[in-house]
mmCIF file of all heavy atoms, coordinates in Angstrom:
data_MODEL
# 
_entry.id   MODEL 
# 
loop_
_atom_site.group_PDB 
_atom_site.id 
_atom_site.type_symbol 
_atom_site.label_atom_id 
_atom_site.label_alt_id 
_atom_site.label_comp_id 
_atom_site.label_asym_id 
_atom_site.label_entity_id 
_atom_site.label_seq_id 
_atom_site.pdbx_PDB_ins_code 
_atom_site.Cartn_x 
_atom_site.Cartn_y 
_atom_site.Cartn_z 
_atom_site.occupancy 
_atom_site.B_iso_or_equiv 
_atom_site.pdbx_formal_charge 
_atom_site.auth_seq_id 
_atom_site.auth_comp_id 
_atom_site.auth_asym_id 
_atom_site.auth_atom_id 
_atom_site.pdbx_PDB_model_num 
ATOM 1   N N   . GLU A 1 1  ? -23.796 -203.344 -35.078 1.00 0.00 ? 1  GLU A N   1 
ATOM 2   C CA  . GLU A 1 1  ? -22.531 -204.038 -35.154 1.00 0.00 ? 1  GLU A CA  1 
ATOM 3   C C   . GLU A 1 1  ? -21.592 -203.324 -36.108 1.00 0.00 ? 1  GLU A C   1 
ATOM 4   O O   . GLU A 1 1  ? -20.435 -203.156 -35.889 1.00 0.00 ? 1  GLU A O   1 
ATOM 5   C CB  . GLU A 1 1  ? -22.678 -205.465 -35.459 1.00 0.00 ? 1  GLU A CB  1 
ATOM 6   C CG  . GLU A 1 1  ? -23.321 -206.327 -34.446 1.00 0.00 ? 1  GLU A CG  1 
ATOM 7   C CD  . GLU A 1 1  ? -23.579 -207.748 -34.842 1.00 0.00 ? 1  GLU A CD  1 
ATOM 8   O OE1 . GLU A 1 1  ? -23.529 -208.012 -36.085 1.00 0.00 ? 1  GLU A OE1 1 
ATOM 9   O OE2 . GLU A 1 1  ? -23.973 -208.567 -33.984 1.00 0.00 ? 1  GLU A OE2 1 
ATOM 10  N N   . ARG A 1 2  ? -22.183 -203.025 -37.260 1.00 0.00 ? 2  ARG A N   1 
ATOM 11  C CA  . ARG A 1 2  ? -21.364 -202.327 -38.313 1.00 0.00 ? 2  ARG A CA  1 
ATOM 12  C C   . ARG A 1 2  ? -20.907 -200.927 -37.872 1.00 0.00 ? 2  ARG A C   1 
ATOM 13  O O   . ARG A 1 2  ? -19.773 -200.518 -38.120 1.00 0.00 ? 2  ARG A O   1 
ATOM 14  C CB  . ARG A 1 2  ? -22.206 -202.245 -39.551 1.00 0.00 ? 2  ARG A CB  1 
ATOM 15  C CG  . ARG A 1 2  ? -21.382 -201.855 -40.768 1.00 0.00 ? 2  ARG A CG  1 
ATOM 16  C CD  . ARG A 1 2  ? -22.131 -201.815 -42.050 1.00 0.00 ? 2  ARG A CD  1 
ATOM 17  N NE  . ARG A 1 2  ? -21.251 -201.560 -43.193 1.00 0.00 ? 2  ARG A NE  1 
ATOM 18  C CZ  . ARG A 1 2  ? -21.708 -201.123 -44.407 1.00 0.00 ? 2  ARG A CZ  1 
ATOM 19  N NH1 . ARG A 1 2  ? -22.940 -200.905 -44.554 1.00 0.00 ? 2  ARG A NH1 1 
ATOM 20  N NH2 . ARG A 1 2  ? -20.822 -200.934 -45.287 1.00 0.00 ? 2  ARG A NH2 1 
ATOM 21  N N   . LEU A 1 3  ? -21.826 -200.228 -37.151 1.00 0.00 ? 3  LEU A N   1 
ATOM 22  C CA  . LEU A 1 3  ? -21.470 -198.896 -36.687 1.00 0.00 ? 3  LEU A CA  1 
ATOM 23  C C   . LEU A 1 3  ? -20.341 -198.924 -35.760 1.00 0.00 ? 3  LEU A C   1 
ATOM 24  O O   . LEU A 1 3  ? -19.381 -198.012 -35.739 1.00 0.00 ? 3  LEU A O   1 
ATOM 25  C CB  . LEU A 1 3  ? -22.663 -198.260 -36.077 1.00 0.00 ? 3  LEU A CB  1 
ATOM 26  C CG  . LEU A 1 3  ? -23.792 -197.702 -37.058 1.00 0.00 ? 3  LEU A CG  1 
ATOM 27  C CD1 . LEU A 1 3  ? -24.991 -197.321 -36.216 1.00 0.00 ? 3  LEU A CD1 1 
ATOM 28  C CD2 . LEU A 1 3  ? -23.228 -196.527 -37.853 1.00 0.00 ? 3  LEU A CD2 1 
ATOM 29  N N   . GLU A 1 4  ? -20.289 -199.874 -34.867 1.00 0.00 ? 4  GLU A N   1 
ATOM 30  C CA  . GLU A 1 4  ? -19.203 -200.022 -33.897 1.00 0.00 ? 4  GLU A CA  1 
ATOM 31  C C   . GLU A 1 4  ? -17.909 -200.183 -34.594 1.00 0.00 ? 4  GLU A C   1 
ATOM 32  O O   . GLU A 1 4  ? -16.833 -199.704 -34.111 1.00 0.00 ? 4  GLU A O   1 
ATOM 33  C CB  . GLU A 1 4  ? -19.398 -201.222 -33.016 1.00 0.00 ? 4  GLU A CB  1 
ATOM 34  C CG  . GLU A 1 4  ? -20.560 -201.049 -31.943 1.00 0.00 ? 4  GLU A CG  1 
ATOM 35  C CD  . GLU A 1 4  ? -20.665 -202.235 -31.051 1.00 0.00 ? 4  GLU A CD  1 
ATOM 36  O OE1 . GLU A 1 4  ? -19.798 -203.148 -31.129 1.00 0.00 ? 4  GLU A OE1 1 
ATOM 37  O OE2 . GLU A 1 4  ? -21.607 -202.249 -30.201 1.00 0.00 ? 4  GLU A OE2 1 
ATOM 38  N N   . GLU A 1 5  ? -17.867 -200.787 -35.798 1.00 0.00 ? 5  GLU A N   1 
ATOM 39  C CA  . GLU A 1 5  ? -16.611 -200.981 -36.481 1.00 0.00 ? 5  GLU A CA  1 
ATOM 40  C C   . GLU A 1 5  ? -16.064 -199.717 -37.184 1.00 0.00 ? 5  GLU A C   1 
ATOM 41  O O   . GLU A 1 5  ? -14.855 -199.605 -37.413 1.00 0.00 ? 5  GLU A O   1 
ATOM 42  C CB  . GLU A 1 5  ? -16.793 -202.058 -37.575 1.00 0.00 ? 5  GLU A CB  1 
ATOM 43  C CG  . GLU A 1 5  ? -17.213 -203.420 -37.064 1.00 0.00 ? 5  GLU A CG  1 
ATOM 44  C CD  . GLU A 1 5  ? -17.534 -204.407 -38.100 1.00 0.00 ? 5  GLU A CD  1 
ATOM 45  O OE1 . GLU A 1 5  ? -17.558 -204.019 -39.330 1.00 0.00 ? 5  GLU A OE1 1 
ATOM 46  O OE2 . GLU A 1 5  ? -17.795 -205.589 -37.838 1.00 0.00 ? 5  GLU A OE2 1 
ATOM 47  N N   . VAL A 1 6  ? -16.978 -198.755 -37.471 1.00 0.00 ? 6  VAL A N   1 
ATOM 48  C CA  . VAL A 1 6  ? -16.595 -197.541 -38.185 1.00 0.00 ? 6  VAL A CA  1 
ATOM 49  C C   . VAL A 1 6  ? -16.493 -196.274 -37.474 1.00 0.00 ? 6  VAL A C   1 
ATOM 50  O O   . VAL A 1 6  ? -15.958 -195.330 -37.909 1.00 0.00 ? 6  VAL A O   1 
ATOM 51  C CB  . VAL A 1 6  ? -17.418 -197.393 -39.467 1.00 0.00 ? 6  VAL A CB  1 
ATOM 52  C CG1 . VAL A 1 6  ? -17.448 -198.628 -40.412 1.00 0.00 ? 6  VAL A CG1 1 
ATOM 53  C CG2 . VAL A 1 6  ? -18.905 -197.060 -39.012 1.00 0.00 ? 6  VAL A CG2 1 
ATOM 54  N N   . GLN A 1 7  ? -17.100 -196.237 -36.258 1.00 0.00 ? 7  GLN A N   1 
ATOM 55  C CA  . GLN A 1 7  ? -17.182 -195.006 -35.574 1.00 0.00 ? 7  GLN A CA  1 
ATOM 56  C C   . GLN A 1 7  ? -15.885 -194.433 -35.162 1.00 0.00 ? 7  GLN A C   1 
ATOM 57  O O   . GLN A 1 7  ? -15.635 -193.202 -35.140 1.00 0.00 ? 7  GLN A O   1 
ATOM 58  C CB  . GLN A 1 7  ? -18.036 -195.189 -34.290 1.00 0.00 ? 7  GLN A CB  1 
ATOM 59  C CG  . GLN A 1 7  ? -19.515 -195.297 -34.555 1.00 0.00 ? 7  GLN A CG  1 
ATOM 60  C CD  . GLN A 1 7  ? -20.406 -195.703 -33.443 1.00 0.00 ? 7  GLN A CD  1 
ATOM 61  O OE1 . GLN A 1 7  ? -19.864 -196.346 -32.424 1.00 0.00 ? 7  GLN A OE1 1 
ATOM 62  N NE2 . GLN A 1 7  ? -21.684 -195.558 -33.469 1.00 0.00 ? 7  GLN A NE2 1 
ATOM 63  N N   . ALA A 1 8  ? -14.891 -195.274 -34.806 1.00 0.00 ? 8  ALA A N   1 
ATOM 64  C CA  . ALA A 1 8  ? -13.564 -194.725 -34.332 1.00 0.00 ? 8  ALA A CA  1 
ATOM 65  C C   . ALA A 1 8  ? -12.886 -193.900 -35.448 1.00 0.00 ? 8  ALA A C   1 
ATOM 66  O O   . ALA A 1 8  ? -12.270 -192.886 -35.161 1.00 0.00 ? 8  ALA A O   1 
ATOM 67  C CB  . ALA A 1 8  ? -12.648 -195.900 -34.034 1.00 0.00 ? 8  ALA A CB  1 
ATOM 68  N N   . ASP A 1 9  ? -13.113 -194.200 -36.774 1.00 0.00 ? 9  ASP A N   1 
ATOM 69  C CA  . ASP A 1 9  ? -12.488 -193.449 -37.825 1.00 0.00 ? 9  ASP A CA  1 
ATOM 70  C C   . ASP A 1 9  ? -13.132 -192.087 -38.057 1.00 0.00 ? 9  ASP A C   1 
ATOM 71  O O   . ASP A 1 9  ? -12.643 -191.349 -38.763 1.00 0.00 ? 9  ASP A O   1 
ATOM 72  C CB  . ASP A 1 9  ? -12.546 -194.299 -39.116 1.00 0.00 ? 9  ASP A CB  1 
ATOM 73  C CG  . ASP A 1 9  ? -11.652 -195.593 -39.058 1.00 0.00 ? 9  ASP A CG  1 
ATOM 74  O OD1 . ASP A 1 9  ? -10.738 -195.522 -38.275 1.00 0.00 ? 9  ASP A OD1 1 
ATOM 75  O OD2 . ASP A 1 9  ? -12.030 -196.490 -39.724 1.00 0.00 ? 9  ASP A OD2 1 
ATOM 76  N N   . CYS A 1 10 ? -14.364 -191.925 -37.562 1.00 0.00 ? 10 CYS A N   1 
ATOM 77  C CA  . CYS A 1 10 ? -15.125 -190.739 -37.826 1.00 0.00 ? 10 CYS A CA  1 
ATOM 78  C C   . CYS A 1 10 ? -15.101 -189.744 -36.625 1.00 0.00 ? 10 CYS A C   1 
ATOM 79  O O   . CYS A 1 10 ? -15.428 -188.514 -36.836 1.00 0.00 ? 10 CYS A O   1 
ATOM 80  C CB  . CYS A 1 10 ? -16.585 -191.040 -38.126 1.00 0.00 ? 10 CYS A CB  1 
ATOM 81  S SG  . CYS A 1 10 ? -16.660 -192.109 -39.609 1.00 0.00 ? 10 CYS A SG  1 
ATOM 82  N N   . LYS A 1 11 ? -14.796 -190.246 -35.446 1.00 0.00 ? 11 LYS A N   1 
ATOM 83  C CA  . LYS A 1 11 ? -14.847 -189.337 -34.286 1.00 0.00 ? 11 LYS A CA  1 
ATOM 84  C C   . LYS A 1 11 ? -13.799 -188.293 -34.420 1.00 0.00 ? 11 LYS A C   1 
ATOM 85  O O   . LYS A 1 11 ? -12.691 -188.493 -34.833 1.00 0.00 ? 11 LYS A O   1 
ATOM 86  C CB  . LYS A 1 11 ? -14.616 -190.210 -33.057 1.00 0.00 ? 11 LYS A CB  1 
ATOM 87  C CG  . LYS A 1 11 ? -15.863 -190.964 -32.642 1.00 0.00 ? 11 LYS A CG  1 
ATOM 88  C CD  . LYS A 1 11 ? -15.665 -191.687 -31.291 1.00 0.00 ? 11 LYS A CD  1 
ATOM 89  C CE  . LYS A 1 11 ? -16.983 -192.427 -30.893 1.00 0.00 ? 11 LYS A CE  1 
ATOM 90  N NZ  . LYS A 1 11 ? -16.828 -193.146 -29.591 1.00 0.00 ? 11 LYS A NZ  1 
ATOM 91  N N   . GLY A 1 12 ? -14.193 -187.079 -33.941 1.00 0.00 ? 12 GLY A N   1 
ATOM 92  C CA  . GLY A 1 12 ? -13.299 -185.906 -34.114 1.00 0.00 ? 12 GLY A CA  1 
ATOM 93  C C   . GLY A 1 12 ? -13.469 -185.156 -35.420 1.00 0.00 ? 12 GLY A C   1 
ATOM 94  O O   . GLY A 1 12 ? -12.969 -184.048 -35.521 1.00 0.00 ? 12 GLY A O   1 
ATOM 95  N N   . LYS A 1 13 ? -14.140 -185.684 -36.339 1.00 0.00 ? 13 LYS A N   1 
ATOM 96  C CA  . LYS A 1 13 ? -14.401 -185.043 -37.661 1.00 0.00 ? 13 LYS A CA  1 
ATOM 97  C C   . LYS A 1 13 ? -15.719 -184.413 -37.648 1.00 0.00 ? 13 LYS A C   1 
ATOM 98  O O   . LYS A 1 13 ? -16.664 -184.816 -36.945 1.00 0.00 ? 13 LYS A O   1 
ATOM 99  C CB  . LYS A 1 13 ? -14.258 -186.108 -38.790 1.00 0.00 ? 13 LYS A CB  1 
ATOM 100 C CG  . LYS A 1 13 ? -12.958 -186.724 -38.924 1.00 0.00 ? 13 LYS A CG  1 
ATOM 101 C CD  . LYS A 1 13 ? -12.835 -187.719 -39.991 1.00 0.00 ? 13 LYS A CD  1 
ATOM 102 C CE  . LYS A 1 13 ? -11.481 -188.343 -40.153 1.00 0.00 ? 13 LYS A CE  1 
ATOM 103 N NZ  . LYS A 1 13 ? -11.474 -189.365 -41.194 1.00 0.00 ? 13 LYS A NZ  1 
ATOM 104 N N   . GLN A 1 14 ? -15.810 -183.296 -38.421 1.00 0.00 ? 14 GLN A N   1 
ATOM 105 C CA  . GLN A 1 14 ? -17.082 -182.496 -38.443 1.00 0.00 ? 14 GLN A CA  1 
ATOM 106 C C   . GLN A 1 14 ? -17.772 -182.536 -39.851 1.00 0.00 ? 14 GLN A C   1 
ATOM 107 O O   . GLN A 1 14 ? -17.044 -182.571 -40.828 1.00 0.00 ? 14 GLN A O   1 
ATOM 108 C CB  . GLN A 1 14 ? -16.742 -181.047 -38.106 1.00 0.00 ? 14 GLN A CB  1 
ATOM 109 C CG  . GLN A 1 14 ? -16.158 -180.832 -36.725 1.00 0.00 ? 14 GLN A CG  1 
ATOM 110 C CD  . GLN A 1 14 ? -17.216 -180.763 -35.638 1.00 0.00 ? 14 GLN A CD  1 
ATOM 111 O OE1 . GLN A 1 14 ? -18.170 -179.934 -35.650 1.00 0.00 ? 14 GLN A OE1 1 
ATOM 112 N NE2 . GLN A 1 14 ? -17.152 -181.667 -34.643 1.00 0.00 ? 14 GLN A NE2 1 
ATOM 113 N N   . VAL A 1 15 ? -19.065 -182.498 -39.827 1.00 0.00 ? 15 VAL A N   1 
ATOM 114 C CA  . VAL A 1 15 ? -19.812 -182.395 -41.066 1.00 0.00 ? 15 VAL A CA  1 
ATOM 115 C C   . VAL A 1 15 ? -20.633 -181.156 -41.134 1.00 0.00 ? 15 VAL A C   1 
ATOM 116 O O   . VAL A 1 15 ? -20.973 -180.608 -40.108 1.00 0.00 ? 15 VAL A O   1 
ATOM 117 C CB  . VAL A 1 15 ? -20.715 -183.587 -41.317 1.00 0.00 ? 15 VAL A CB  1 
ATOM 118 C CG1 . VAL A 1 15 ? -19.888 -184.921 -41.522 1.00 0.00 ? 15 VAL A CG1 1 
ATOM 119 C CG2 . VAL A 1 15 ? -21.754 -183.751 -40.216 1.00 0.00 ? 15 VAL A CG2 1 
ATOM 120 N N   . MET A 1 16 ? -20.903 -180.734 -42.323 1.00 0.00 ? 16 MET A N   1 
ATOM 121 C CA  . MET A 1 16 ? -21.880 -179.624 -42.580 1.00 0.00 ? 16 MET A CA  1 
ATOM 122 C C   . MET A 1 16 ? -22.874 -180.227 -43.512 1.00 0.00 ? 16 MET A C   1 
ATOM 123 O O   . MET A 1 16 ? -22.512 -180.714 -44.561 1.00 0.00 ? 16 MET A O   1 
ATOM 124 C CB  . MET A 1 16 ? -21.281 -178.360 -43.196 1.00 0.00 ? 16 MET A CB  1 
ATOM 125 C CG  . MET A 1 16 ? -22.364 -177.264 -43.460 1.00 0.00 ? 16 MET A CG  1 
ATOM 126 S SD  . MET A 1 16 ? -21.588 -175.652 -43.865 1.00 0.00 ? 16 MET A SD  1 
ATOM 127 C CE  . MET A 1 16 ? -20.978 -175.960 -45.523 1.00 0.00 ? 16 MET A CE  1 
ATOM 128 N N   . VAL A 1 17 ? -24.172 -180.238 -43.058 1.00 0.00 ? 17 VAL A N   1 
ATOM 129 C CA  . VAL A 1 17 ? -25.193 -180.891 -43.888 1.00 0.00 ? 17 VAL A CA  1 
ATOM 130 C C   . VAL A 1 17 ? -26.206 -179.888 -44.415 1.00 0.00 ? 17 VAL A C   1 
ATOM 131 O O   . VAL A 1 17 ? -26.864 -179.121 -43.719 1.00 0.00 ? 17 VAL A O   1 
ATOM 132 C CB  . VAL A 1 17 ? -25.965 -181.893 -42.941 1.00 0.00 ? 17 VAL A CB  1 
ATOM 133 C CG1 . VAL A 1 17 ? -27.022 -182.606 -43.803 1.00 0.00 ? 17 VAL A CG1 1 
ATOM 134 C CG2 . VAL A 1 17 ? -25.067 -182.945 -42.318 1.00 0.00 ? 17 VAL A CG2 1 
ATOM 135 N N   . LEU A 1 18 ? -26.133 -179.785 -45.749 1.00 0.00 ? 18 LEU A N   1 
ATOM 136 C CA  . LEU A 1 18 ? -26.923 -178.773 -46.467 1.00 0.00 ? 18 LEU A CA  1 
ATOM 137 C C   . LEU A 1 18 ? -28.185 -179.503 -47.057 1.00 0.00 ? 18 LEU A C   1 
ATOM 138 O O   . LEU A 1 18 ? -28.011 -180.492 -47.760 1.00 0.00 ? 18 LEU A O   1 
ATOM 139 C CB  . LEU A 1 18 ? -26.099 -178.113 -47.576 1.00 0.00 ? 18 LEU A CB  1 
ATOM 140 C CG  . LEU A 1 18 ? -24.933 -177.319 -47.175 1.00 0.00 ? 18 LEU A CG  1 
ATOM 141 C CD1 . LEU A 1 18 ? -24.170 -176.709 -48.326 1.00 0.00 ? 18 LEU A CD1 1 
ATOM 142 C CD2 . LEU A 1 18 ? -25.306 -176.203 -46.133 1.00 0.00 ? 18 LEU A CD2 1 
ATOM 143 N N   . GLN A 1 19 ? -29.357 -178.931 -46.813 1.00 0.00 ? 19 GLN A N   1 
ATOM 144 C CA  . GLN A 1 19 ? -30.520 -179.392 -47.448 1.00 0.00 ? 19 GLN A CA  1 
ATOM 145 C C   . GLN A 1 19 ? -31.003 -178.212 -48.350 1.00 0.00 ? 19 GLN A C   1 
ATOM 146 O O   . GLN A 1 19 ? -31.345 -177.218 -47.863 1.00 0.00 ? 19 GLN A O   1 
ATOM 147 C CB  . GLN A 1 19 ? -31.693 -179.732 -46.438 1.00 0.00 ? 19 GLN A CB  1 
ATOM 148 C CG  . GLN A 1 19 ? -32.907 -180.301 -47.147 1.00 0.00 ? 19 GLN A CG  1 
ATOM 149 C CD  . GLN A 1 19 ? -33.923 -180.855 -46.076 1.00 0.00 ? 19 GLN A CD  1 
ATOM 150 O OE1 . GLN A 1 19 ? -33.454 -181.456 -45.128 1.00 0.00 ? 19 GLN A OE1 1 
ATOM 151 N NE2 . GLN A 1 19 ? -35.159 -180.570 -46.359 1.00 0.00 ? 19 GLN A NE2 1 
ATOM 152 N N   . SER A 1 20 ? -30.947 -178.496 -49.684 1.00 0.00 ? 20 SER A N   1 
ATOM 153 C CA  . SER A 1 20 ? -31.013 -177.311 -50.579 1.00 0.00 ? 20 SER A CA  1 
ATOM 154 C C   . SER A 1 20 ? -32.049 -177.532 -51.741 1.00 0.00 ? 20 SER A C   1 
ATOM 155 O O   . SER A 1 20 ? -32.249 -178.614 -52.171 1.00 0.00 ? 20 SER A O   1 
ATOM 156 C CB  . SER A 1 20 ? -29.631 -177.007 -51.203 1.00 0.00 ? 20 SER A CB  1 
ATOM 157 O OG  . SER A 1 20 ? -28.647 -176.976 -50.192 1.00 0.00 ? 20 SER A OG  1 
ATOM 158 N N   . SER A 1 21 ? -32.497 -176.408 -52.178 1.00 0.00 ? 21 SER A N   1 
ATOM 159 C CA  . SER A 1 21 ? -33.284 -176.330 -53.351 1.00 0.00 ? 21 SER A CA  1 
ATOM 160 C C   . SER A 1 21 ? -32.690 -174.963 -53.970 1.00 0.00 ? 21 SER A C   1 
ATOM 161 O O   . SER A 1 21 ? -33.231 -173.912 -53.847 1.00 0.00 ? 21 SER A O   1 
ATOM 162 C CB  . SER A 1 21 ? -34.734 -176.142 -53.201 1.00 0.00 ? 21 SER A CB  1 
ATOM 163 O OG  . SER A 1 21 ? -35.389 -175.983 -54.431 1.00 0.00 ? 21 SER A OG  1 
ATOM 164 N N   . PRO A 1 22 ? -31.512 -175.106 -54.708 1.00 0.00 ? 22 PRO A N   1 
ATOM 165 C CA  . PRO A 1 22 ? -30.798 -173.917 -55.109 1.00 0.00 ? 22 PRO A CA  1 
ATOM 166 C C   . PRO A 1 22 ? -31.692 -172.938 -55.831 1.00 0.00 ? 22 PRO A C   1 
ATOM 167 O O   . PRO A 1 22 ? -32.551 -173.334 -56.595 1.00 0.00 ? 22 PRO A O   1 
ATOM 168 C CB  . PRO A 1 22 ? -29.704 -174.570 -56.096 1.00 0.00 ? 22 PRO A CB  1 
ATOM 169 C CG  . PRO A 1 22 ? -29.589 -175.964 -55.650 1.00 0.00 ? 22 PRO A CG  1 
ATOM 170 C CD  . PRO A 1 22 ? -30.866 -176.400 -55.153 1.00 0.00 ? 22 PRO A CD  1 
ATOM 171 N N   . PRO A 1 23 ? -31.490 -171.666 -55.500 1.00 0.00 ? 23 PRO A N   1 
ATOM 172 C CA  . PRO A 1 23 ? -30.364 -171.047 -54.719 1.00 0.00 ? 23 PRO A CA  1 
ATOM 173 C C   . PRO A 1 23 ? -30.666 -171.010 -53.238 1.00 0.00 ? 23 PRO A C   1 
ATOM 174 O O   . PRO A 1 23 ? -29.875 -170.316 -52.488 1.00 0.00 ? 23 PRO A O   1 
ATOM 175 C CB  . PRO A 1 23 ? -30.328 -169.649 -55.319 1.00 0.00 ? 23 PRO A CB  1 
ATOM 176 C CG  . PRO A 1 23 ? -31.799 -169.368 -55.633 1.00 0.00 ? 23 PRO A CG  1 
ATOM 177 C CD  . PRO A 1 23 ? -32.367 -170.665 -56.105 1.00 0.00 ? 23 PRO A CD  1 
ATOM 178 N N   . ASN A 1 24 ? -31.672 -171.655 -52.715 1.00 0.00 ? 24 ASN A N   1 
ATOM 179 C CA  . ASN A 1 24 ? -31.976 -171.687 -51.280 1.00 0.00 ? 24 ASN A CA  1 
ATOM 180 C C   . ASN A 1 24 ? -31.293 -172.770 -50.562 1.00 0.00 ? 24 ASN A C   1 
ATOM 181 O O   . ASN A 1 24 ? -31.355 -173.968 -50.969 1.00 0.00 ? 24 ASN A O   1 
ATOM 182 C CB  . ASN A 1 24 ? -33.522 -171.752 -51.115 1.00 0.00 ? 24 ASN A CB  1 
ATOM 183 C CG  . ASN A 1 24 ? -34.237 -170.631 -51.763 1.00 0.00 ? 24 ASN A CG  1 
ATOM 184 O OD1 . ASN A 1 24 ? -33.838 -169.441 -51.511 1.00 0.00 ? 24 ASN A OD1 1 
ATOM 185 N ND2 . ASN A 1 24 ? -35.210 -170.858 -52.505 1.00 0.00 ? 24 ASN A ND2 1 
# 
């Protein structure tokens, strides 16, 4: 129910997700 309320504001936007152990 909560996701339905917020999805409209996020659609069309892009994320980059980094999983890191610097410097890797």
